[in-house]
Amino acid sequence: MTDTGNEVILRVEDLRVRYEKSRSIWGTPRYSEVVKGVSFDIRRGETFGLVGESGSGKSTISKAILRQIPVIGGTISFEGERITDWKEKNIPLSYRRAVQVVFQSPRLSLNTRMLARDTVAEAVSFHLGLRGAELGRQVDMLFDDVGLPRYLGDRYPDELSGGQQQRVAIARALACDPRMLICDEAVSALDVSTQAQVIALLRRLQQERGLSYLFISHDLGVVRNLCHSVGVLQHGKFTDIGSVSDVFERPANQYTRDLLDAIPRLPGRMAPIGAV
């Protein structure tokens, strides 16, 4: 297991983001602020869960971290460097490699005309510059890492199950050896048993590689199984934030309590991190 210590890898401080919602008859833009002073840390080798209903600002925060949208206030720092100081057209490739994304729908994020192996190989070739036999060996290793039989590399995405497609997407994200993954509803499109398998995979990869995760979800039950700390968003602000045990056992806000009350109580769910 990688020794990750307790270092903060990503720090978000008083983040504010707005979108233009309309214009006046004179062409003056009218804005809606969707993230309203959000602050949180992600520590190396740990998972921070970002929870809330649709429209609460979860994906907007991830886009700000990826520098896909401008921010109007606050700072985002990665490994001590303020990435909000960078101009949007000059984001270093090193940062793009360090922070990768796994999306909700692997079916939509994968090229349906490319074999699974070629999808992963393209990412490896671009980021690491490998060719020939060396490229093939690296792709085989990534398939092994995500628990995907190598023969499935000769299939197209539509010939794979949802769980297998998501493993291909994770292998592609790992191709450049990132230090953090943003998992944006990465298991919400999967059935319950496949969710458990992918969550177990993410746990193992975290232990082996020292990865940090920003895990975005509307499902507090999944977050409890995977995350070390969690922030609950409502209308762009945190209603609760802290360790998973604190938020789940002692929620401070009625909105959080209502979300917790809605978690299905199913037998045999995976034990949360730290449970014996």
C-alpha atoms as a PDB file:
ATOM      1  CA  MET A   1       0.000   0.000   0.000  1.00  0.00           C
ATOM      2  CA  THR A   2       1.194   3.499  -0.834  1.00  0.00           C
ATOM      3  CA  ASP A   3       2.046   5.634   2.195  1.00  0.00           C
ATOM      4  CA  THR A   4      -0.037   8.766   1.576  1.00  0.00           C
ATOM      5  CA  GLY A   5       0.318  10.554   4.909  1.00  0.00           C
ATOM      6  CA  ASN A   6      -2.163  13.299   5.715  1.00  0.00           C
ATOM      7  CA  GLU A   7      -1.230  15.887   3.085  1.00  0.00           C
ATOM      8  CA  VAL A   8      -3.908  18.077   1.505  1.00  0.00           C
ATOM      9  CA  ILE A   9      -3.757  17.512  -2.254  1.00  0.00           C
ATOM     10  CA  LEU A  10      -6.682  19.775  -3.226  1.00  0.00           C
ATOM     11  CA  ARG A  11      -7.936  22.810  -1.319  1.00  0.00           C
ATOM     12  CA  VAL A  12     -11.056  24.748  -2.298  1.00  0.00           C
ATOM     13  CA  GLU A  13     -11.576  28.029  -0.428  1.00  0.00           C
ATOM     14  CA  ASP A  14     -14.685  30.227  -0.615  1.00  0.00           C
ATOM     15  CA  LEU A  15     -15.386  29.120  -4.201  1.00  0.00           C
ATOM     16  CA  ARG A  16     -18.035  31.129  -6.044  1.00  0.00           C
ATOM     17  CA  VAL A  17     -19.321  30.383  -9.538  1.00  0.00           C
ATOM     18  CA  ARG A  18     -22.130  31.969 -11.521  1.00  0.00           C
ATOM     19  CA  TYR A  19     -23.794  31.391 -14.867  1.00  0.00           C
ATOM     20  CA  GLU A  20     -25.434  33.846 -17.187  1.00  0.00           C
ATOM     21  CA  LYS A  21     -29.147  33.047 -17.118  1.00  0.00           C
ATOM     22  CA  SER A  22     -30.552  35.763 -19.370  1.00  0.00           C
ATOM     23  CA  ARG A  23     -30.028  39.221 -20.844  1.00  0.00           C
ATOM     24  CA  SER A  24     -32.014  42.390 -20.538  1.00  0.00           C
ATOM     25  CA  ILE A  25     -33.516  44.076 -23.568  1.00  0.00           C
ATOM     26  CA  TRP A  26     -30.381  46.252 -23.613  1.00  0.00           C
ATOM     27  CA  GLY A  27     -28.113  43.202 -23.721  1.00  0.00           C
ATOM     28  CA  THR A  28     -26.977  43.427 -20.112  1.00  0.00           C
ATOM     29  CA  PRO A  29     -26.250  39.919 -18.744  1.00  0.00           C
ATOM     30  CA  ARG A  30     -28.154  38.640 -15.735  1.00  0.00           C
ATOM     31  CA  TYR A  31     -26.403  36.071 -13.600  1.00  0.00           C
ATOM     32  CA  SER A  32     -27.372  33.284 -11.260  1.00  0.00           C
ATOM     33  CA  GLU A  33     -24.827  32.324  -8.611  1.00  0.00           C
ATOM     34  CA  VAL A  34     -24.799  28.515  -8.344  1.00  0.00           C
ATOM     35  CA  VAL A  35     -21.821  27.957  -6.007  1.00  0.00           C
ATOM     36  CA  LYS A  36     -21.839  30.318  -3.039  1.00  0.00           C
ATOM     37  CA  GLY A  37     -18.659  30.286  -0.990  1.00  0.00           C
ATOM     38  CA  VAL A  38     -17.850  26.579  -0.783  1.00  0.00           C
ATOM     39  CA  SER A  39     -14.687  25.407   1.033  1.00  0.00           C
ATOM     40  CA  PHE A  40     -13.268  21.897   1.502  1.00  0.00           C
ATOM     41  CA  ASP A  41     -10.033  19.876   1.434  1.00  0.00           C
ATOM     42  CA  ILE A  42      -9.194  16.543  -0.175  1.00  0.00           C
ATOM     43  CA  ARG A  43      -6.295  14.718   1.439  1.00  0.00           C
ATOM     44  CA  ARG A  44      -3.890  12.518  -0.453  1.00  0.00           C
ATOM     45  CA  GLY A  45      -5.110   8.943  -0.629  1.00  0.00           C
ATOM     46  CA  GLU A  46      -8.595   9.818   0.651  1.00  0.00           C
ATOM     47  CA  THR A  47     -12.060  10.345  -0.819  1.00  0.00           C
ATOM     48  CA  PHE A  48     -14.235  13.416  -0.409  1.00  0.00           C
ATOM     49  CA  GLY A  49     -17.898  12.895  -1.222  1.00  0.00           C
ATOM     50  CA  LEU A  50     -19.914  15.714  -2.750  1.00  0.00           C
ATOM     51  CA  VAL A  51     -23.621  15.056  -2.294  1.00  0.00           C
ATOM     52  CA  GLY A  52     -26.783  16.904  -3.230  1.00  0.00           C
ATOM     53  CA  GLU A  53     -29.812  16.908  -5.448  1.00  0.00           C
ATOM     54  CA  SER A  54     -29.735  17.867  -9.122  1.00  0.00           C
ATOM     55  CA  GLY A  55     -28.955  21.550  -9.497  1.00  0.00           C
ATOM     56  CA  SER A  56     -27.206  21.840  -6.130  1.00  0.00           C
ATOM     57  CA  GLY A  57     -23.865  22.740  -7.732  1.00  0.00           C
ATOM     58  CA  LYS A  58     -21.963  19.434  -7.572  1.00  0.00           C
ATOM     59  CA  SER A  59     -20.915  19.203 -11.217  1.00  0.00           C
ATOM     60  CA  THR A  60     -20.245  22.947 -11.366  1.00  0.00           C
ATOM     61  CA  ILE A  61     -17.645  22.523  -8.612  1.00  0.00           C
ATOM     62  CA  SER A  62     -15.968  19.704 -10.555  1.00  0.00           C
ATOM     63  CA  LYS A  63     -15.881  21.823 -13.718  1.00  0.00           C
ATOM     64  CA  ALA A  64     -14.273  24.645 -11.756  1.00  0.00           C
ATOM     65  CA  ILE A  65     -11.613  22.243 -10.428  1.00  0.00           C
ATOM     66  CA  LEU A  66     -10.965  21.057 -13.981  1.00  0.00           C
ATOM     67  CA  ARG A  67     -10.742  24.744 -15.056  1.00  0.00           C
ATOM     68  CA  GLN A  68     -13.499  24.249 -17.619  1.00  0.00           C
ATOM     69  CA  ILE A  69     -15.465  27.252 -16.355  1.00  0.00           C
ATOM     70  CA  PRO A  70     -14.433  30.601 -14.825  1.00  0.00           C
ATOM     71  CA  VAL A  71     -14.848  31.366 -11.140  1.00  0.00           C
ATOM     72  CA  ILE A  72     -15.859  34.754  -9.754  1.00  0.00           C
ATOM     73  CA  GLY A  73     -14.368  34.339  -6.294  1.00  0.00           C
ATOM     74  CA  GLY A  74     -12.307  32.118  -4.038  1.00  0.00           C
ATOM     75  CA  THR A  75      -9.336  29.908  -4.825  1.00  0.00           C
ATOM     76  CA  ILE A  76      -8.573  26.322  -5.812  1.00  0.00           C
ATOM     77  CA  SER A  77      -5.112  24.946  -5.019  1.00  0.00           C
ATOM     78  CA  PHE A  78      -3.680  21.630  -6.180  1.00  0.00           C
ATOM     79  CA  GLU A  79      -0.575  20.354  -4.410  1.00  0.00           C
ATOM     80  CA  GLY A  80      -0.024  23.861  -3.059  1.00  0.00           C
ATOM     81  CA  GLU A  81      -0.316  25.704  -6.389  1.00  0.00           C
ATOM     82  CA  ARG A  82      -3.234  28.041  -6.992  1.00  0.00           C
ATOM     83  CA  ILE A  83      -4.768  26.784 -10.206  1.00  0.00           C
ATOM     84  CA  THR A  84      -7.316  29.612 -10.241  1.00  0.00           C
ATOM     85  CA  ASP A  85      -4.401  31.922 -11.105  1.00  0.00           C
ATOM     86  CA  TRP A  86      -3.965  30.161 -14.445  1.00  0.00           C
ATOM     87  CA  LYS A  87      -5.543  31.586 -17.558  1.00  0.00           C
ATOM     88  CA  GLU A  88      -8.173  29.231 -18.941  1.00  0.00           C
ATOM     89  CA  LYS A  89      -6.356  28.710 -22.253  1.00  0.00           C
ATOM     90  CA  ASN A  90      -3.018  27.983 -20.558  1.00  0.00           C
ATOM     91  CA  ILE A  91      -3.772  25.044 -18.266  1.00  0.00           C
ATOM     92  CA  PRO A  92      -0.595  22.923 -18.025  1.00  0.00           C
ATOM     93  CA  LEU A  93      -0.791  19.450 -19.530  1.00  0.00           C
ATOM     94  CA  SER A  94       0.800  18.207 -16.312  1.00  0.00           C
ATOM     95  CA  TYR A  95      -2.368  19.243 -14.448  1.00  0.00           C
ATOM     96  CA  ARG A  96      -4.599  17.582 -17.043  1.00  0.00           C
ATOM     97  CA  ARG A  97      -2.645  14.398 -16.432  1.00  0.00           C
ATOM     98  CA  ALA A  98      -2.700  14.712 -12.655  1.00  0.00           C
ATOM     99  CA  VAL A  99      -6.488  15.136 -12.434  1.00  0.00           C
ATOM    100  CA  GLN A 100      -8.636  12.796 -14.511  1.00  0.00           C
ATOM    101  CA  VAL A 101     -12.401  12.234 -14.720  1.00  0.00           C
ATOM    102  CA  VAL A 102     -14.658   9.184 -14.718  1.00  0.00           C
ATOM    103  CA  PHE A 103     -18.141  10.117 -15.937  1.00  0.00           C
ATOM    104  CA  GLN A 104     -21.580   8.778 -15.111  1.00  0.00           C
ATOM    105  CA  SER A 105     -22.245   7.071 -18.420  1.00  0.00           C
ATOM    106  CA  PRO A 106     -19.341   5.058 -19.849  1.00  0.00           C
ATOM    107  CA  ARG A 107     -21.516   4.371 -22.901  1.00  0.00           C
ATOM    108  CA  LEU A 108     -21.454   8.086 -23.730  1.00  0.00           C
ATOM    109  CA  SER A 109     -17.838   8.715 -22.725  1.00  0.00           C
ATOM    110  CA  LEU A 110     -16.390   5.892 -24.851  1.00  0.00           C
ATOM    111  CA  ASN A 111     -16.016   5.971 -28.619  1.00  0.00           C
ATOM    112  CA  THR A 112     -18.420   3.267 -29.834  1.00  0.00           C
ATOM    113  CA  ARG A 113     -16.346   2.821 -33.010  1.00  0.00           C
ATOM    114  CA  MET A 114     -13.148   1.978 -31.143  1.00  0.00           C
ATOM    115  CA  LEU A 115     -12.250  -1.361 -29.595  1.00  0.00           C
ATOM    116  CA  ALA A 116     -11.853  -1.255 -25.830  1.00  0.00           C
ATOM    117  CA  ARG A 117      -8.133  -1.970 -26.141  1.00  0.00           C
ATOM    118  CA  ASP A 118      -7.669   0.841 -28.662  1.00  0.00           C
ATOM    119  CA  THR A 119      -9.488   3.286 -26.386  1.00  0.00           C
ATOM    120  CA  VAL A 120      -7.017   2.638 -23.579  1.00  0.00           C
ATOM    121  CA  ALA A 121      -4.047   2.427 -25.946  1.00  0.00           C
ATOM    122  CA  GLU A 122      -4.851   5.848 -27.427  1.00  0.00           C
ATOM    123  CA  ALA A 123      -4.664   7.436 -23.968  1.00  0.00           C
ATOM    124  CA  VAL A 124      -1.443   5.606 -23.076  1.00  0.00           C
ATOM    125  CA  SER A 125       0.178   6.598 -26.373  1.00  0.00           C
ATOM    126  CA  PHE A 126      -0.838  10.255 -26.010  1.00  0.00           C
ATOM    127  CA  HIS A 127       0.257  10.698 -22.406  1.00  0.00           C
ATOM    128  CA  LEU A 128       3.252   8.352 -22.180  1.00  0.00           C
ATOM    129  CA  GLY A 129       4.417   8.252 -25.788  1.00  0.00           C
ATOM    130  CA  LEU A 130       4.635   4.448 -25.836  1.00  0.00           C
ATOM    131  CA  ARG A 131       4.517   2.438 -29.063  1.00  0.00           C
ATOM    132  CA  GLY A 132       4.557  -1.164 -30.234  1.00  0.00           C
ATOM    133  CA  ALA A 133       5.109  -3.993 -27.763  1.00  0.00           C
ATOM    134  CA  GLU A 134       5.736  -1.600 -24.886  1.00  0.00           C
ATOM    135  CA  LEU A 135       2.357   0.030 -25.507  1.00  0.00           C
ATOM    136  CA  GLY A 136       0.671  -3.386 -25.610  1.00  0.00           C
ATOM    137  CA  ARG A 137       2.222  -4.406 -22.296  1.00  0.00           C
ATOM    138  CA  GLN A 138       1.077  -1.198 -20.629  1.00  0.00           C
ATOM    139  CA  VAL A 139      -2.482  -1.672 -21.893  1.00  0.00           C
ATOM    140  CA  ASP A 140      -2.473  -5.265 -20.622  1.00  0.00           C
ATOM    141  CA  MET A 141      -1.333  -4.023 -17.204  1.00  0.00           C
ATOM    142  CA  LEU A 142      -4.146  -1.467 -17.082  1.00  0.00           C
ATOM    143  CA  PHE A 143      -6.715  -4.105 -17.988  1.00  0.00           C
ATOM    144  CA  ASP A 144      -5.321  -6.269 -15.187  1.00  0.00           C
ATOM    145  CA  ASP A 145      -5.406  -3.334 -12.760  1.00  0.00           C
ATOM    146  CA  VAL A 146      -9.128  -2.733 -13.304  1.00  0.00           C
ATOM    147  CA  GLY A 147     -10.011  -6.439 -13.244  1.00  0.00           C
ATOM    148  CA  LEU A 148     -10.957  -6.642 -16.914  1.00  0.00           C
ATOM    149  CA  PRO A 149     -10.086  -9.842 -18.838  1.00  0.00           C
ATOM    150  CA  ARG A 150      -7.686  -8.990 -21.642  1.00  0.00           C
ATOM    151  CA  TYR A 151      -9.765 -10.720 -24.320  1.00  0.00           C
ATOM    152  CA  LEU A 152     -12.493  -8.115 -23.800  1.00  0.00           C
ATOM    153  CA  GLY A 153     -10.109  -5.596 -25.305  1.00  0.00           C
ATOM    154  CA  ASP A 154     -11.134  -6.921 -28.717  1.00  0.00           C
ATOM    155  CA  ARG A 155     -14.759  -5.887 -28.192  1.00  0.00           C
ATOM    156  CA  TYR A 156     -16.568  -2.629 -28.859  1.00  0.00           C
ATOM    157  CA  PRO A 157     -18.266  -0.774 -25.996  1.00  0.00           C
ATOM    158  CA  ASP A 158     -21.726  -1.935 -27.105  1.00  0.00           C
ATOM    159  CA  GLU A 159     -20.533  -5.532 -26.711  1.00  0.00           C
ATOM    160  CA  LEU A 160     -19.642  -4.944 -23.044  1.00  0.00           C
ATOM    161  CA  SER A 161     -21.805  -4.725 -19.948  1.00  0.00           C
ATOM    162  CA  GLY A 162     -22.196  -1.409 -18.131  1.00  0.00           C
ATOM    163  CA  GLY A 163     -19.733  -2.484 -15.457  1.00  0.00           C
ATOM    164  CA  GLN A 164     -17.188  -3.589 -18.059  1.00  0.00           C
ATOM    165  CA  GLN A 165     -17.583  -0.303 -19.928  1.00  0.00           C
ATOM    166  CA  GLN A 166     -16.924   1.624 -16.725  1.00  0.00           C
ATOM    167  CA  ARG A 167     -13.787  -0.439 -16.076  1.00  0.00           C
ATOM    168  CA  VAL A 168     -12.544   0.519 -19.551  1.00  0.00           C
ATOM    169  CA  ALA A 169     -13.245   4.173 -18.697  1.00  0.00           C
ATOM    170  CA  ILE A 170     -11.330   3.825 -15.418  1.00  0.00           C
ATOM    171  CA  ALA A 171      -8.405   2.139 -17.211  1.00  0.00           C
ATOM    172  CA  ARG A 172      -8.314   5.030 -19.674  1.00  0.00           C
ATOM    173  CA  ALA A 173      -8.303   7.532 -16.800  1.00  0.00           C
ATOM    174  CA  LEU A 174      -5.389   5.670 -15.189  1.00  0.00           C
ATOM    175  CA  ALA A 175      -3.357   5.703 -18.410  1.00  0.00           C
ATOM    176  CA  CYS A 176      -1.461   8.874 -17.462  1.00  0.00           C
ATOM    177  CA  ASP A 177      -0.889   7.796 -13.831  1.00  0.00           C
ATOM    178  CA  PRO A 178      -3.063  10.544 -12.259  1.00  0.00           C
ATOM    179  CA  ARG A 179      -2.948  11.542  -8.623  1.00  0.00           C
ATOM    180  CA  MET A 180      -6.616  12.412  -8.351  1.00  0.00           C
ATOM    181  CA  LEU A 181      -9.815  11.163 -10.001  1.00  0.00           C
ATOM    182  CA  ILE A 182     -13.063  13.078 -10.171  1.00  0.00           C
ATOM    183  CA  CYS A 183     -15.816  10.460 -10.198  1.00  0.00           C
ATOM    184  CA  ASP A 184     -18.930  12.276 -11.392  1.00  0.00           C
ATOM    185  CA  GLU A 185     -21.848   9.946 -10.590  1.00  0.00           C
ATOM    186  CA  ALA A 186     -19.522   7.155 -11.704  1.00  0.00           C
ATOM    187  CA  VAL A 187     -21.660   4.296 -10.366  1.00  0.00           C
ATOM    188  CA  SER A 188     -25.169   5.752 -10.487  1.00  0.00           C
ATOM    189  CA  ALA A 189     -25.972   4.195 -13.883  1.00  0.00           C
ATOM    190  CA  LEU A 190     -25.015   0.689 -12.671  1.00  0.00           C
ATOM    191  CA  ASP A 191     -27.146  -1.919 -10.933  1.00  0.00           C
ATOM    192  CA  VAL A 192     -26.583  -2.464  -7.209  1.00  0.00           C
ATOM    193  CA  SER A 193     -24.335  -5.526  -7.497  1.00  0.00           C
ATOM    194  CA  THR A 194     -22.185  -3.901 -10.190  1.00  0.00           C
ATOM    195  CA  GLN A 195     -21.996  -0.728  -8.099  1.00  0.00           C
ATOM    196  CA  ALA A 196     -20.523  -2.765  -5.237  1.00  0.00           C
ATOM    197  CA  GLN A 197     -17.906  -4.276  -7.562  1.00  0.00           C
ATOM    198  CA  VAL A 198     -16.841  -0.899  -8.972  1.00  0.00           C
ATOM    199  CA  ILE A 199     -16.714   0.620  -5.472  1.00  0.00           C
ATOM    200  CA  ALA A 200     -14.492  -2.255  -4.357  1.00  0.00           C
ATOM    201  CA  LEU A 201     -12.276  -1.614  -7.407  1.00  0.00           C
ATOM    202  CA  LEU A 202     -11.982   2.099  -6.570  1.00  0.00           C
ATOM    203  CA  ARG A 203     -11.036   1.220  -2.985  1.00  0.00           C
ATOM    204  CA  ARG A 204      -8.343  -1.180  -4.145  1.00  0.00           C
ATOM    205  CA  LEU A 205      -6.902   1.269  -6.665  1.00  0.00           C
ATOM    206  CA  GLN A 206      -6.790   3.921  -3.960  1.00  0.00           C
ATOM    207  CA  GLN A 207      -4.881   1.633  -1.622  1.00  0.00           C
ATOM    208  CA  GLU A 208      -2.445   0.489  -4.312  1.00  0.00           C
ATOM    209  CA  ARG A 209      -1.848   3.843  -6.025  1.00  0.00           C
ATOM    210  CA  GLY A 210      -2.497   6.365  -3.255  1.00  0.00           C
ATOM    211  CA  LEU A 211      -5.191   8.008  -5.381  1.00  0.00           C
ATOM    212  CA  SER A 212      -7.399  10.800  -4.103  1.00  0.00           C
ATOM    213  CA  TYR A 213     -11.023  10.945  -5.212  1.00  0.00           C
ATOM    214  CA  LEU A 214     -13.641  13.637  -5.485  1.00  0.00           C
ATOM    215  CA  PHE A 215     -16.713  11.419  -5.533  1.00  0.00           C
ATOM    216  CA  ILE A 216     -19.837  13.216  -6.748  1.00  0.00           C
ATOM    217  CA  SER A 217     -23.134  11.514  -6.078  1.00  0.00           C
ATOM    218  CA  HIS A 218     -26.762  12.009  -5.145  1.00  0.00           C
ATOM    219  CA  ASP A 219     -26.669   8.681  -3.267  1.00  0.00           C
ATOM    220  CA  LEU A 220     -25.623   9.034   0.372  1.00  0.00           C
ATOM    221  CA  GLY A 221     -25.620   5.259   0.769  1.00  0.00           C
ATOM    222  CA  VAL A 222     -22.869   4.874  -1.842  1.00  0.00           C
ATOM    223  CA  VAL A 223     -20.954   7.803  -0.357  1.00  0.00           C
ATOM    224  CA  ARG A 224     -21.026   6.204   3.076  1.00  0.00           C
ATOM    225  CA  ASN A 225     -19.456   3.054   1.638  1.00  0.00           C
ATOM    226  CA  LEU A 226     -16.568   4.772  -0.126  1.00  0.00           C
ATOM    227  CA  CYS A 227     -15.803   8.197   1.304  1.00  0.00           C
ATOM    228  CA  HIS A 228     -13.731   9.410   4.236  1.00  0.00           C
ATOM    229  CA  SER A 229     -15.370  12.844   4.416  1.00  0.00           C
ATOM    230  CA  VAL A 230     -18.429  14.390   2.832  1.00  0.00           C
ATOM    231  CA  GLY A 231     -20.050  17.716   2.046  1.00  0.00           C
ATOM    232  CA  VAL A 232     -23.818  17.984   1.534  1.00  0.00           C
ATOM    233  CA  LEU A 233     -24.804  20.707  -0.931  1.00  0.00           C
ATOM    234  CA  GLN A 234     -28.080  22.571  -1.154  1.00  0.00           C
ATOM    235  CA  HIS A 235     -28.481  25.547  -3.484  1.00  0.00           C
ATOM    236  CA  GLY A 236     -24.719  25.990  -3.795  1.00  0.00           C
ATOM    237  CA  LYS A 237     -23.892  25.918  -0.078  1.00  0.00           C
ATOM    238  CA  PHE A 238     -22.917  23.178   2.347  1.00  0.00           C
ATOM    239  CA  THR A 239     -25.594  22.208   4.837  1.00  0.00           C
ATOM    240  CA  ASP A 240     -23.186  19.752   6.486  1.00  0.00           C
ATOM    241  CA  ILE A 241     -19.511  18.957   6.009  1.00  0.00           C
ATOM    242  CA  GLY A 242     -17.119  16.739   7.926  1.00  0.00           C
ATOM    243  CA  SER A 243     -16.074  13.138   8.363  1.00  0.00           C
ATOM    244  CA  VAL A 244     -18.559  10.570   7.097  1.00  0.00           C
ATOM    245  CA  SER A 245     -19.170   9.315  10.632  1.00  0.00           C
ATOM    246  CA  ASP A 246     -19.886  12.831  11.956  1.00  0.00           C
ATOM    247  CA  VAL A 247     -22.231  13.806   9.133  1.00  0.00           C
ATOM    248  CA  PHE A 248     -24.100  10.501   9.101  1.00  0.00           C
ATOM    249  CA  GLU A 249     -24.394  10.123  12.859  1.00  0.00           C
ATOM    250  CA  ARG A 250     -24.774  13.780  13.878  1.00  0.00           C
ATOM    251  CA  PRO A 251     -26.174  15.791  10.947  1.00  0.00           C
ATOM    252  CA  ALA A 252     -26.565  19.452  11.840  1.00  0.00           C
ATOM    253  CA  ASN A 253     -29.115  20.388   9.208  1.00  0.00           C
ATOM    254  CA  GLN A 254     -32.661  19.165   8.568  1.00  0.00           C
ATOM    255  CA  TYR A 255     -31.965  18.868   4.826  1.00  0.00           C
ATOM    256  CA  THR A 256     -29.148  16.408   5.550  1.00  0.00           C
ATOM    257  CA  ARG A 257     -31.369  14.485   7.980  1.00  0.00           C
ATOM    258  CA  ASP A 258     -34.054  14.194   5.297  1.00  0.00           C
ATOM    259  CA  LEU A 259     -31.512  12.820   2.799  1.00  0.00           C
ATOM    260  CA  LEU A 260     -30.263  10.312   5.357  1.00  0.00           C
ATOM    261  CA  ASP A 261     -33.797   9.178   6.120  1.00  0.00           C
ATOM    262  CA  ALA A 262     -34.244   8.406   2.421  1.00  0.00           C
ATOM    263  CA  ILE A 263     -31.335   5.922   2.259  1.00  0.00           C
ATOM    264  CA  PRO A 264     -32.700   2.403   1.564  1.00  0.00           C
ATOM    265  CA  ARG A 265     -31.969   0.026   4.426  1.00  0.00           C
ATOM    266  CA  LEU A 266     -30.945  -3.007   2.416  1.00  0.00           C
ATOM    267  CA  PRO A 267     -29.365  -6.121   3.954  1.00  0.00           C
ATOM    268  CA  GLY A 268     -25.804  -7.001   2.994  1.00  0.00           C
ATOM    269  CA  ARG A 269     -24.671  -3.520   1.933  1.00  0.00           C
ATOM    270  CA  MET A 270     -20.927  -3.033   1.880  1.00  0.00           C
ATOM    271  CA  ALA A 271     -19.493  -1.841   5.187  1.00  0.00           C
ATOM    272  CA  PRO A 272     -18.349   1.797   5.249  1.00  0.00           C
ATOM    273  CA  ILE A 273     -14.643   2.634   5.324  1.00  0.00           C
ATOM    274  CA  GLY A 274     -13.150   1.907   8.701  1.00  0.00           C
ATOM    275  CA  ALA A 275     -15.830  -0.585   9.670  1.00  0.00           C
ATOM    276  CA  VAL A 276     -14.701  -3.906  11.081  1.00  0.00           C
END
